[in-house]
Every structure is written in C-alpha cells, then in structure tokens.
Protein backbone atom coordinates (compact mmCIF):
# COMPACT_ATOMS: atom_id res chain seq x y z
CA UNK A 1 2.48 -8.95 8.76
CA UNK A 2 2.30 -12.59 7.08
CA UNK A 3 2.12 -14.24 3.87
CA UNK A 4 0.02 -17.16 4.14
CA UNK A 5 0.37 -18.64 0.59
CA UNK A 6 3.02 -18.01 -2.39
CA UNK A 7 2.92 -20.53 -4.66
CA UNK A 8 3.29 -20.28 -8.54
CA UNK A 9 5.76 -20.09 -11.48
CA UNK A 10 5.10 -19.27 -15.24
CA UNK A 11 4.38 -23.06 -16.04
CA UNK A 12 2.22 -23.84 -12.96
CA UNK A 13 -1.63 -24.88 -13.74
CA UNK A 14 -3.57 -25.03 -10.75
CA UNK A 15 -6.42 -27.02 -10.35
CA UNK A 16 -9.45 -26.51 -8.78
CA UNK A 17 -9.22 -28.81 -6.42
CA UNK A 18 -5.84 -27.24 -5.57
CA UNK A 19 -7.02 -24.06 -5.45
CA UNK A 20 -9.32 -25.16 -2.68
CA UNK A 21 -7.07 -27.03 -0.51
CA UNK A 22 -4.63 -23.57 -0.94
CA UNK A 23 -7.53 -21.28 0.25
CA UNK A 24 -8.35 -23.72 2.80
CA UNK A 25 -5.08 -23.92 4.27
CA UNK A 26 -4.40 -20.77 4.45
CA UNK A 27 -7.88 -19.93 6.66
CA UNK A 28 -7.32 -22.45 8.85
CA UNK A 29 -3.82 -20.66 9.35
CA UNK A 30 -5.84 -17.45 10.02
CA UNK A 31 -7.77 -19.05 13.06
CA UNK A 32 -11.41 -18.60 13.94
CA UNK A 33 -13.35 -15.99 12.07
CA UNK A 34 -16.67 -15.42 12.98
CA UNK A 35 -17.88 -12.56 10.55
CA UNK A 36 -16.37 -12.93 7.56
CA UNK A 37 -16.81 -10.00 4.41
CA UNK A 38 -15.67 -10.95 1.10
CA UNK A 39 -14.67 -8.35 -1.33
CA UNK A 40 -14.14 -10.41 -5.14
CA UNK A 41 -14.31 -8.49 -8.27
CA UNK A 42 -17.52 -8.10 -10.65
CA UNK A 43 -18.08 -9.56 -13.91
CA UNK A 44 -15.76 -7.80 -15.51
CA UNK A 45 -12.88 -9.88 -14.03
CA UNK A 46 -14.77 -13.22 -14.81
CA UNK A 47 -11.54 -15.01 -15.41
CA UNK A 48 -9.76 -14.05 -12.53
CA UNK A 49 -10.82 -17.29 -10.63
CA UNK A 50 -12.11 -14.73 -8.10
CA UNK A 51 -15.77 -16.43 -8.33
CA UNK A 52 -14.77 -19.86 -7.55
CA UNK A 53 -12.21 -18.41 -4.78
CA UNK A 54 -15.37 -16.71 -3.20
CA UNK A 55 -17.85 -19.73 -3.40
CA UNK A 56 -14.58 -21.71 -1.47
CA UNK A 57 -14.23 -19.34 0.87
CA UNK A 58 -18.13 -19.59 1.29
CA UNK A 59 -18.07 -23.48 1.86
CA UNK A 60 -15.43 -22.97 4.38
CA UNK A 61 -17.02 -20.21 6.70
CA UNK A 62 -20.83 -21.05 5.65
CA UNK A 63 -23.02 -18.96 8.11
CA UNK A 64 -20.28 -17.38 9.34
CA UNK A 65 -19.66 -15.93 5.63
CA UNK A 66 -22.11 -12.79 6.26
CA UNK A 67 -21.81 -11.06 3.17
CA UNK A 68 -20.17 -10.39 -0.44
CA UNK A 69 -19.34 -7.03 -1.92
CA UNK A 70 -18.42 -7.14 -5.20
CA UNK A 71 -15.59 -4.30 -5.68
CA UNK A 72 -17.97 -2.85 -8.57
CA UNK A 73 -16.19 0.95 -8.50
CA UNK A 74 -17.60 2.89 -10.82
CA UNK A 75 -19.40 -0.21 -12.78
CA UNK A 76 -22.96 -1.19 -12.77
CA UNK A 77 -24.32 -3.58 -10.03
CA UNK A 78 -24.32 -7.11 -11.07
CA UNK A 79 -27.60 -9.05 -11.96
CA UNK A 80 -29.05 -11.98 -10.38
CA UNK A 81 -27.76 -14.04 -13.61
CA UNK A 82 -24.55 -12.64 -13.69
CA UNK A 83 -23.78 -13.53 -9.93
CA UNK A 84 -25.07 -17.27 -10.52
CA UNK A 85 -22.73 -17.28 -13.79
CA UNK A 86 -19.51 -16.14 -11.60
CA UNK A 87 -20.11 -17.16 -8.20
CA UNK A 88 -22.08 -20.56 -8.60
CA UNK A 89 -24.33 -21.40 -5.70
CA UNK A 90 -23.19 -18.73 -3.14
CA UNK A 91 -26.79 -17.78 -1.85
CA UNK A 92 -27.68 -14.28 -3.93
CA UNK A 93 -29.00 -12.55 -0.42
CA UNK A 94 -25.42 -12.39 0.89
CA UNK A 95 -24.54 -10.01 -2.31
CA UNK A 96 -24.76 -6.49 -1.49
CA UNK A 97 -24.37 -3.26 -4.81
CA UNK A 98 -21.31 -1.02 -3.87
CA UNK A 99 -22.88 2.90 -4.65
CA UNK A 100 -20.04 4.57 -5.25
CA UNK A 101 -21.81 7.96 -4.88
CA UNK A 102 -23.49 7.69 -1.32
CA UNK A 103 -22.50 4.35 0.41
CA UNK A 104 -18.97 5.50 1.65
CA UNK A 105 -16.72 6.64 4.28
CA UNK A 106 -13.80 8.66 4.19
CA UNK A 107 -11.37 6.98 6.66
CA UNK A 108 -8.06 9.90 5.81
CA UNK A 109 -6.62 12.01 3.59
CA UNK A 110 -3.43 12.04 1.68
CA UNK A 111 -2.36 15.23 1.57
CA UNK A 112 -1.74 17.19 -1.65
CA UNK A 113 1.99 18.05 -1.28
CA UNK A 114 2.05 14.32 -1.67
CA UNK A 115 0.28 13.95 -4.59
CA UNK A 116 2.07 17.52 -6.03
CA UNK A 117 5.27 15.06 -5.91
CA UNK A 118 3.87 11.93 -7.41
CA UNK A 119 2.64 13.78 -10.41
CA UNK A 120 5.85 15.83 -10.98
CA UNK A 121 4.09 19.13 -10.22
CA UNK A 122 0.99 18.45 -12.10
CA UNK A 123 -1.70 18.43 -9.83
CA UNK A 124 -2.40 19.63 -6.45
CA UNK A 125 -5.25 18.50 -4.73
CA UNK A 126 -5.50 15.86 -1.75
CA UNK A 127 -6.74 12.24 -2.18
CA UNK A 128 -9.45 10.98 0.19
CA UNK A 129 -9.12 7.51 1.36
CA UNK A 130 -12.73 6.52 0.90
CA UNK A 131 -14.46 3.05 1.25
CA UNK A 132 -17.77 1.06 1.54
CA UNK A 133 -19.00 1.69 5.09
CA UNK A 134 -19.79 -2.00 5.25
CA UNK A 135 -15.95 -2.32 5.05
CA UNK A 136 -15.70 0.32 7.84
CA UNK A 137 -18.72 -0.30 9.88
CA UNK A 138 -19.78 -3.72 9.14
CA UNK A 139 -17.65 -5.20 12.50
CA UNK A 140 -16.48 -7.82 10.62
CA UNK A 141 -13.40 -10.13 11.86
CA UNK A 142 -12.20 -10.75 8.42
CA UNK A 143 -11.99 -9.11 5.17
CA UNK A 144 -11.11 -11.34 2.27
CA UNK A 145 -10.03 -9.15 -0.62
CA UNK A 146 -10.27 -11.40 -3.37
CA UNK A 147 -8.60 -10.43 -7.05
CA UNK A 148 -6.36 -10.96 -9.94
CA UNK A 149 -2.90 -9.17 -10.19
CA UNK A 150 -2.54 -8.34 -14.34
CA UNK A 151 -1.57 -5.44 -16.06
CA UNK A 152 -3.18 -2.42 -15.60
CA UNK A 153 -4.38 0.94 -17.07
CA UNK A 154 -4.48 3.11 -14.22
CA UNK A 155 -2.15 1.62 -11.35
CA UNK A 156 0.13 -0.36 -13.36
CA UNK A 157 -0.84 -3.57 -11.72
CA UNK A 158 -4.23 -4.23 -10.83
CA UNK A 159 -5.48 -5.41 -7.43
CA UNK A 160 -4.38 -5.44 -3.83
CA UNK A 161 -5.38 -2.20 -2.23
CA UNK A 162 -6.88 -1.07 -5.27
CA UNK A 163 -9.53 -3.66 -4.61
CA UNK A 164 -10.59 -1.76 -1.47
CA UNK A 165 -9.65 1.83 -2.12
CA UNK A 166 -10.97 2.13 -5.77
CA UNK A 167 -13.36 -0.73 -6.10
CA UNK A 168 -15.13 -0.33 -3.26
CA UNK A 169 -14.27 3.53 -3.15
CA UNK A 170 -16.00 6.76 -3.51
CA UNK A 171 -16.48 9.13 -6.28
CA UNK A 172 -13.64 11.88 -5.31
CA UNK A 173 -11.11 8.87 -4.66
CA UNK A 174 -11.56 7.18 -7.59
CA UNK A 175 -11.57 10.09 -9.92
CA UNK A 176 -8.51 11.49 -8.36
CA UNK A 177 -6.29 8.42 -8.38
CA UNK A 178 -7.65 7.74 -11.84
CA UNK A 179 -6.88 11.56 -13.22
CA UNK A 180 -3.30 11.00 -11.46
CA UNK A 181 -2.58 8.00 -13.38
CA UNK A 182 -3.80 9.82 -16.77
CA UNK A 183 -1.67 12.96 -16.21
CA UNK A 184 1.37 11.00 -15.46
CA UNK A 185 1.06 8.99 -18.49
CA UNK A 186 -0.26 5.61 -19.18
CA UNK A 187 2.48 4.13 -20.66
CA UNK A 188 4.53 4.99 -18.19
CA UNK A 189 2.42 3.23 -15.68
CA UNK A 190 1.22 0.18 -17.07
CA UNK A 191 2.94 -2.94 -15.93
CA UNK A 192 4.65 -1.28 -13.47
CA UNK A 193 4.03 -2.25 -9.73
CA UNK A 194 5.46 0.83 -8.28
CA UNK A 195 4.22 3.94 -9.72
CA UNK A 196 2.88 7.11 -8.69
CA UNK A 197 -0.64 6.01 -8.06
CA UNK A 198 0.09 2.91 -6.40
CA UNK A 199 2.27 5.01 -4.38
CA UNK A 200 -0.76 7.24 -3.14
CA UNK A 201 -2.42 4.02 -2.65
CA UNK A 202 0.14 2.62 -0.50
CA UNK A 203 0.27 5.71 1.66
CA UNK A 204 -3.63 5.63 2.38
CA UNK A 205 -3.64 2.05 3.16
CA UNK A 206 -0.45 2.09 5.52
CA UNK A 207 -2.36 4.85 7.58
CA UNK A 208 -5.99 4.38 7.47
CA UNK A 209 -6.62 0.74 6.34
CA UNK A 210 -4.22 -0.95 8.82
CA UNK A 211 -6.90 -1.80 11.53
CA UNK A 212 -9.21 -3.61 9.34
CA UNK A 213 -8.42 -7.15 9.02
CA UNK A 214 -7.97 -7.39 5.35
CA UNK A 215 -6.37 -10.39 4.18
CA UNK A 216 -5.54 -10.12 0.25
CA UNK A 217 -6.08 -13.56 -2.04
CA UNK A 218 -4.64 -12.89 -5.59
CA UNK A 219 -4.31 -15.06 -8.65
CA UNK A 220 -2.26 -14.97 -11.59
CA UNK A 221 -3.85 -16.00 -14.59
CA UNK A 222 -2.44 -16.65 -17.84
CA UNK A 223 -2.92 -18.47 -21.40
CA UNK A 224 -1.59 -22.01 -22.35
CA UNK A 225 -0.32 -23.11 -25.47
CA UNK A 226 -3.58 -24.12 -26.29
CA UNK A 227 -5.34 -20.93 -25.89
CA UNK A 228 -7.19 -22.23 -22.40
CA UNK A 229 -6.38 -20.45 -19.12
CA UNK A 230 -4.58 -21.64 -16.36
CA UNK A 231 -3.94 -19.99 -12.98
CA UNK A 232 -0.33 -19.49 -12.57
CA UNK A 233 -0.29 -18.41 -9.18
CA UNK A 234 -2.38 -17.83 -5.88
CA UNK A 235 -0.57 -15.32 -3.43
CA UNK A 236 -2.62 -15.11 0.03
CA UNK A 237 -1.30 -12.32 2.61
CA UNK A 238 -2.12 -9.25 4.60
CA UNK A 239 0.62 -7.09 3.27
CA UNK A 240 2.65 -5.60 0.30
CA UNK A 241 4.59 -8.87 -0.22
CA UNK A 242 2.01 -10.61 -1.18
CA UNK A 243 0.93 -8.37 -3.97
CA UNK A 244 5.00 -8.08 -4.78
CA UNK A 245 5.17 -11.60 -5.23
CA UNK A 246 1.73 -11.75 -7.56
CA UNK A 247 2.98 -8.83 -9.86
CA UNK A 248 6.16 -10.32 -10.21
CA UNK A 249 4.54 -13.30 -11.61
CA UNK A 250 2.47 -11.79 -13.47
CA UNK A 251 4.96 -9.58 -15.47
CA UNK A 252 6.53 -13.00 -16.58
CA UNK A 253 2.77 -14.52 -17.43
CA UNK A 254 0.87 -11.57 -18.82
CA UNK A 255 3.39 -9.08 -20.54
CA UNK A 256 3.65 -10.20 -23.93
CA UNK A 257 6.73 -8.68 -25.79
CA UNK A 258 6.28 -8.60 -29.59
CA UNK A 259 9.22 -8.59 -32.18
CA UNK A 260 7.83 -5.62 -34.66
CA UNK A 261 5.09 -3.47 -33.70
CA UNK A 262 1.86 -4.33 -35.02
CA UNK A 263 0.38 -2.83 -37.98
CA UNK A 264 -2.98 -4.36 -37.91
CA UNK A 265 -4.90 -5.80 -34.60
CA UNK A 266 -7.96 -7.39 -33.96
CA UNK A 267 -9.28 -7.63 -30.23
CA UNK A 268 -12.32 -9.55 -29.38
CA UNK A 269 -14.32 -8.68 -26.20
CA UNK A 270 -16.55 -11.04 -24.68
CA UNK A 271 -20.24 -10.09 -24.50
CA UNK A 272 -20.49 -11.55 -21.34
CA UNK A 273 -17.86 -9.02 -19.98
CA UNK A 274 -17.73 -6.46 -21.70
CA UNK A 275 -21.18 -4.01 -22.52
CA UNK A 276 -19.66 -0.66 -22.91
CA UNK A 277 -16.51 1.55 -24.13
CA UNK A 278 -16.10 2.36 -20.74
CA UNK A 279 -14.76 -1.54 -19.84
CA UNK A 280 -14.24 -2.40 -23.87
CA UNK A 281 -11.48 0.19 -24.15
CA UNK A 282 -8.97 -2.00 -22.30
CA UNK A 283 -8.62 -3.07 -26.22
CA UNK A 284 -6.81 -0.06 -26.45
CA UNK A 285 -5.11 0.51 -23.17
CA UNK A 286 -3.59 -3.22 -23.38
CA UNK A 287 -2.38 -2.89 -27.09
CA UNK A 288 -1.16 0.66 -27.77
CA UNK A 289 2.40 -0.01 -26.61
CA UNK A 290 3.00 -2.53 -29.46
CA UNK A 291 1.24 -0.91 -31.71
CA UNK A 292 2.99 1.00 -34.39
CA UNK A 293 2.38 4.47 -35.57
CA UNK A 294 -0.23 4.57 -38.26
CA UNK A 295 -1.58 1.10 -37.08
CA UNK A 296 -5.23 0.23 -37.22
CA UNK A 297 -6.83 -1.40 -34.46
CA UNK A 298 -10.22 -3.49 -34.51
CA UNK A 299 -12.37 -3.89 -31.83
CA UNK A 300 -15.36 -6.56 -32.48
CA UNK A 301 -17.73 -6.02 -29.63
CA UNK A 302 -20.90 -7.69 -29.93
CA UNK A 303 -22.11 -7.10 -26.20
CA UNK A 304 -21.08 -3.34 -26.31
CA UNK A 305 -24.16 -1.25 -26.27
CA UNK A 306 -23.19 2.11 -24.35
CA UNK A 307 -20.14 4.41 -23.95
CA UNK A 308 -20.29 4.49 -19.54
CA UNK A 309 -21.63 2.30 -17.09
CA UNK A 310 -22.80 5.08 -15.53
CA UNK A 311 -25.08 7.47 -16.85
CA UNK A 312 -23.45 10.46 -15.84
CA UNK A 313 -20.33 9.35 -17.55
CA UNK A 314 -22.06 8.08 -20.55
CA UNK A 315 -23.04 11.56 -21.04
CA UNK A 316 -19.98 13.36 -20.90
CA UNK A 317 -18.12 10.73 -22.84
CA UNK A 318 -20.87 11.04 -25.82
CA UNK A 319 -20.30 14.86 -25.10
CA UNK A 320 -16.66 15.48 -25.29
CA UNK A 321 -15.22 12.40 -26.53
CA UNK A 322 -11.96 10.51 -27.32
CA UNK A 323 -10.01 13.30 -28.51
CA UNK A 324 -6.85 13.30 -26.72
CA UNK A 325 -4.82 14.53 -23.45
CA UNK A 326 -4.51 18.24 -24.98
CA UNK A 327 -8.20 18.50 -25.70
CA UNK A 328 -9.18 16.60 -22.52
CA UNK A 329 -7.09 19.02 -19.99
CA UNK A 330 -8.54 21.80 -22.23
CA UNK A 331 -11.91 20.67 -21.31
CA UNK A 332 -11.15 20.12 -17.54
CA UNK A 333 -9.89 23.43 -17.44
CA UNK A 334 -12.99 25.04 -19.30
CA UNK A 335 -16.18 22.95 -18.13
CA UNK A 336 -17.50 22.35 -14.35
CA UNK A 337 -18.96 19.08 -15.26
CA UNK A 338 -16.10 17.08 -16.79
CA UNK A 339 -13.89 18.85 -13.99
CA UNK A 340 -16.28 17.52 -11.03
CA UNK A 341 -15.54 14.13 -12.80
CA UNK A 342 -11.91 13.72 -12.74
CA UNK A 343 -12.46 9.36 -13.71
CA UNK A 344 -14.33 10.35 -17.04
CA UNK A 345 -11.63 12.54 -18.08
CA UNK A 346 -8.89 10.11 -17.34
CA UNK A 347 -10.62 7.46 -19.19
CA UNK A 348 -11.33 9.63 -22.27
CA UNK A 349 -7.51 10.34 -21.86
CA UNK A 350 -6.54 6.51 -21.43
CA UNK A 351 -8.85 5.38 -24.55
CA UNK A 352 -7.62 7.94 -27.23
CA UNK A 353 -4.64 6.91 -29.54
CA UNK A 354 -3.88 10.72 -29.31
CA UNK A 355 -3.47 10.13 -33.00
CA UNK A 356 -0.89 7.86 -33.46
CA UNK A 357 -3.34 5.00 -34.67
CA UNK A 358 -6.23 4.51 -35.81
CA UNK A 359 -9.13 2.69 -33.56
CA UNK A 360 -12.40 1.10 -35.45
CA UNK A 361 -15.09 0.06 -33.13
CA UNK A 362 -17.35 -2.90 -34.42
CA UNK A 363 -20.28 -2.68 -31.78
CA UNK A 364 -23.37 -4.69 -31.37
CA UNK A 365 -25.49 -1.65 -29.88
CA UNK A 366 -23.95 1.24 -30.74
CA UNK A 367 -24.87 2.85 -34.15
CA UNK A 368 -22.06 4.40 -36.49
CA UNK A 369 -23.17 8.12 -35.82
CA UNK A 370 -22.67 7.20 -32.00
CA UNK A 371 -19.35 5.73 -32.39
CA UNK A 372 -18.19 8.19 -34.85
CA UNK A 373 -19.71 11.08 -32.87
CA UNK A 374 -17.05 10.42 -29.48
CA UNK A 375 -14.08 10.25 -32.19
CA UNK A 376 -13.70 6.74 -33.15
CA UNK A 377 -13.89 5.04 -36.76
CA UNK A 378 -16.79 2.48 -36.90
CA UNK A 379 -17.28 -0.75 -39.22
CA UNK A 380 -20.24 -3.13 -39.35
CA UNK A 381 -19.87 -5.86 -36.70
CA UNK A 382 -21.67 -8.58 -38.83
CA UNK A 383 -19.24 -7.92 -41.85
CA UNK A 384 -16.04 -7.57 -40.06
CA UNK A 385 -16.92 -10.79 -37.61
CA UNK A 386 -16.84 -12.73 -40.88
CA UNK A 387 -13.71 -11.59 -41.57
CA UNK A 388 -12.31 -12.07 -38.56
CA UNK A 389 -14.10 -14.58 -36.96
CA UNK A 390 -12.88 -14.97 -33.36
CA UNK A 391 -13.79 -18.56 -33.39
CA UNK A 392 -11.20 -19.43 -36.47
CA UNK A 393 -8.46 -17.04 -35.43
CA UNK A 394 -5.34 -17.81 -33.33
CA UNK A 395 -3.70 -15.84 -30.42
CA UNK A 396 -1.13 -13.85 -31.57
CA UNK A 397 -0.47 -13.43 -35.69
CA UNK A 398 -2.78 -14.78 -38.56
CA UNK A 399 -2.95 -14.33 -42.37
CA UNK A 400 -6.59 -13.28 -43.34
CA UNK A 401 -6.66 -12.82 -47.12
CA UNK A 402 -3.21 -12.58 -47.38
CA UNK A 403 -2.88 -9.71 -44.57
CA UNK A 404 -0.89 -10.40 -41.49
CA UNK A 405 -3.20 -9.65 -38.20
CA UNK A 406 -2.60 -9.97 -34.45
CA UNK A 407 -5.25 -11.52 -32.80
CA UNK A 408 -5.99 -10.68 -29.08
CA UNK A 409 -8.84 -13.11 -27.57
CA UNK A 410 -9.21 -11.35 -24.31
CA UNK A 411 -7.23 -8.01 -23.82
CA UNK A 412 -7.66 -7.99 -20.19
CA UNK A 413 -5.32 -11.25 -19.73
CA UNK A 414 -2.57 -9.53 -20.46
CA UNK A 415 -0.46 -6.34 -21.87
CA UNK A 416 1.75 -6.45 -25.15
CA UNK A 417 4.43 -4.08 -26.02
CA UNK A 418 7.15 -3.59 -28.37
CA UNK A 419 10.94 -3.28 -26.78
CA UNK A 420 10.77 0.37 -28.40
CA UNK A 421 8.07 1.52 -25.84
CA UNK A 422 9.63 -0.20 -22.35
C-alpha cells in the first residue's frame, strides 16, 4: 500500500503546472504501465479539476492510455461537447459510456448481517460489489480513479472507492448503498469520512477490489476570498490513507459553519452542470444543516429541464414526489416500482425538507404544474434572476431590498451548517 503524493493545506493554491508536475512525478514512481484506464467524474464534477488531470495522464502515457470511462453512476452519458469542454483535447474515441443497468459484473457480496449492523437494524439485505466490466475484464495494468473529495449527501465525503463501486457500479449496488444512507440519515452522514455507507464500500473494496491495479488521484478544491476556485490539495495513492488525508483537508476547506441559522438562502445552479433536480438538489442537501426552521431556500436553475437523469427515475419522481421520509418509506412498502429502485427512493428522501423549511424552485425548463406536482414551490426564473442576480451577489450574506440573503454560487463545492446541527 502506497501514498505517492500528499500535498496541500487550507491556504495552498496549486497551479495547473504544479498539478501536472505532481501527477507526472507520481506516475513515474508507479513504474512502467502499458494498458491504462482513466476513471474520472463526468460533467457534474466540472470544477473538480479531474478533467485537467485526466488530460495530463493522457499526455504522460500517450497511446498507453487505452480508454477513459467517466464514472456516470446513474447519470446521462456525456455528449461530445461536454467531453471537449471538460477534458480538452483528449481523443474522443477513447471515451466509453457506463451503462449502470447492463454493462456490469458482480465481484462479491457484503453480507446482509453487516448491512443490518450498519443500518442499526433497519435494513436486511446484502450489498453486491458491482463494477463496469471494462474495469474487471479489461486487462489493464493501471486504473487511475480521478476525482474530488468534498462533503457528500450519500456517503459523507465523496470519492475514493465510491468512484468505482457507485460511479461505475450497477443498479442493485447503487440502489442499496443510497438507500442505506437515506435510512440512516443524511444529516448524520454529511461531512463525515467514516459512516455506514463508507464502511460497506470499504468492506467491499478490501475484499473484492484488491486484485485490481487501482490508484486514486484526489483533489480538494476550495474557494478563495475573491470567489475564484483554487486546488487546495492533491492526494495520490492506492489505499484508504490517500482518502483520509484528502477528507481531513476537505473538512477545513469545504465545510462552512454559519454563526446563525439561515433564514433565506439563494442557490445558483450553473446550467452547464445542472440539468435535473436529481443533480440540482445539491442545493437542498448541502444547505439543509444551515437552514433555520421555517427558512426559505430559493433555487435558481436555468438549465434544469427534468427531474431524473434517467427516464424511469424521472417517472418515479413525478409519481411519488419529494414528500418526506415517512411517505417515501410507506411508498416503498406498498409499491413494487419504487421498491425496485431504491436509489430513487433515497433521492426523494434526500430532496425533501421534511416540512422543516420551504424549497422554491425556479427552473428554466419545468412548468409550475410540474414543480408543484412533486411537492416543491415554484417561482418564475426570469423574475427571480432579476431580483437575485448571481452576477451581483457575493458568496455569503447580502442585502437585497433590505432583506438579508445568504447566496451560494455552487452548492457542489461545500457543505454549510449551523453548530446546532453538527
């Protein structure tokens, strides 16, 4: 087990040139590799710098980099334009689209007894450790898993083995890991590197991924005082120490404690990154621990035109809505369709305020009837953009027409909380 790079601090600002040098130095230490697979995130992690690092890996290995498999999970496959935007001149013929329903292999199973222990007796099913067949059967002598460690609603801190087991995982594995996190409780998980979902994935990777030549390349990205983004750390290694080092720094960089519970928050979703509430509900996940009871959360979402990235999940969201944990658990008990798609059920729980605060969506491509039909409130996007112009609001507290508003320009970059909810 090796740690090849562990560089960073809350004040570090790694330039592109420095990122390339650190990656090159680490790849040289790995020795000769002839069949390399890169597994970076997709467009939903645009700001992770993983696209840039994947490009540097391609420059380092040349034609020895045989394929790039974006860790889509359940997301829609990337378009050629998105690939070019995120990965630059990496040849498009190298990219493969992950099919989470069909193109997977089950490498082993975490027993139901372990899931029962981790869920405090609430769940009683086994967890299948599933990966894309390209990972398990591609004959690669290096699999570079590239991504960003940041607070995450399902697994506490994103990345490490989640990038493989969920990002290139299969239907059952994704469903059951997400549902475990939802049932255990999002606010008990977010921002914590050790939690039941991570414990299950660690169990799986320790037993079923050891034979695979996986090396993790993990960034920590934070926001500078001027609002620009900076890479605060780069961690490269082949075991959990790499992840723990990155998670420790991410807590310092990405976890913002507010002095008082927020009464009104406005969150902007970049249209290049967010096209659905499936992704855009990060606005809910990442702010909920900072919001006061009775608060108002306004989501400015010019690119959002659907609920689910997947047609089947979109249909389930429209049918059952974001009605809170009791209603969702009851639906799972009563209806086979939602019981058969537990990641959708988990998402419905994650996206609900549980009646504690208001959620007002202002989407560019969904009607009032559609938004209100899933349990959210609706406001006109054009009118709300005029009132809360994201180009004029500063990160954090602002005064708008005498009203105090807390603005977040990208919810994917952090986690906000009040001390009373830690």
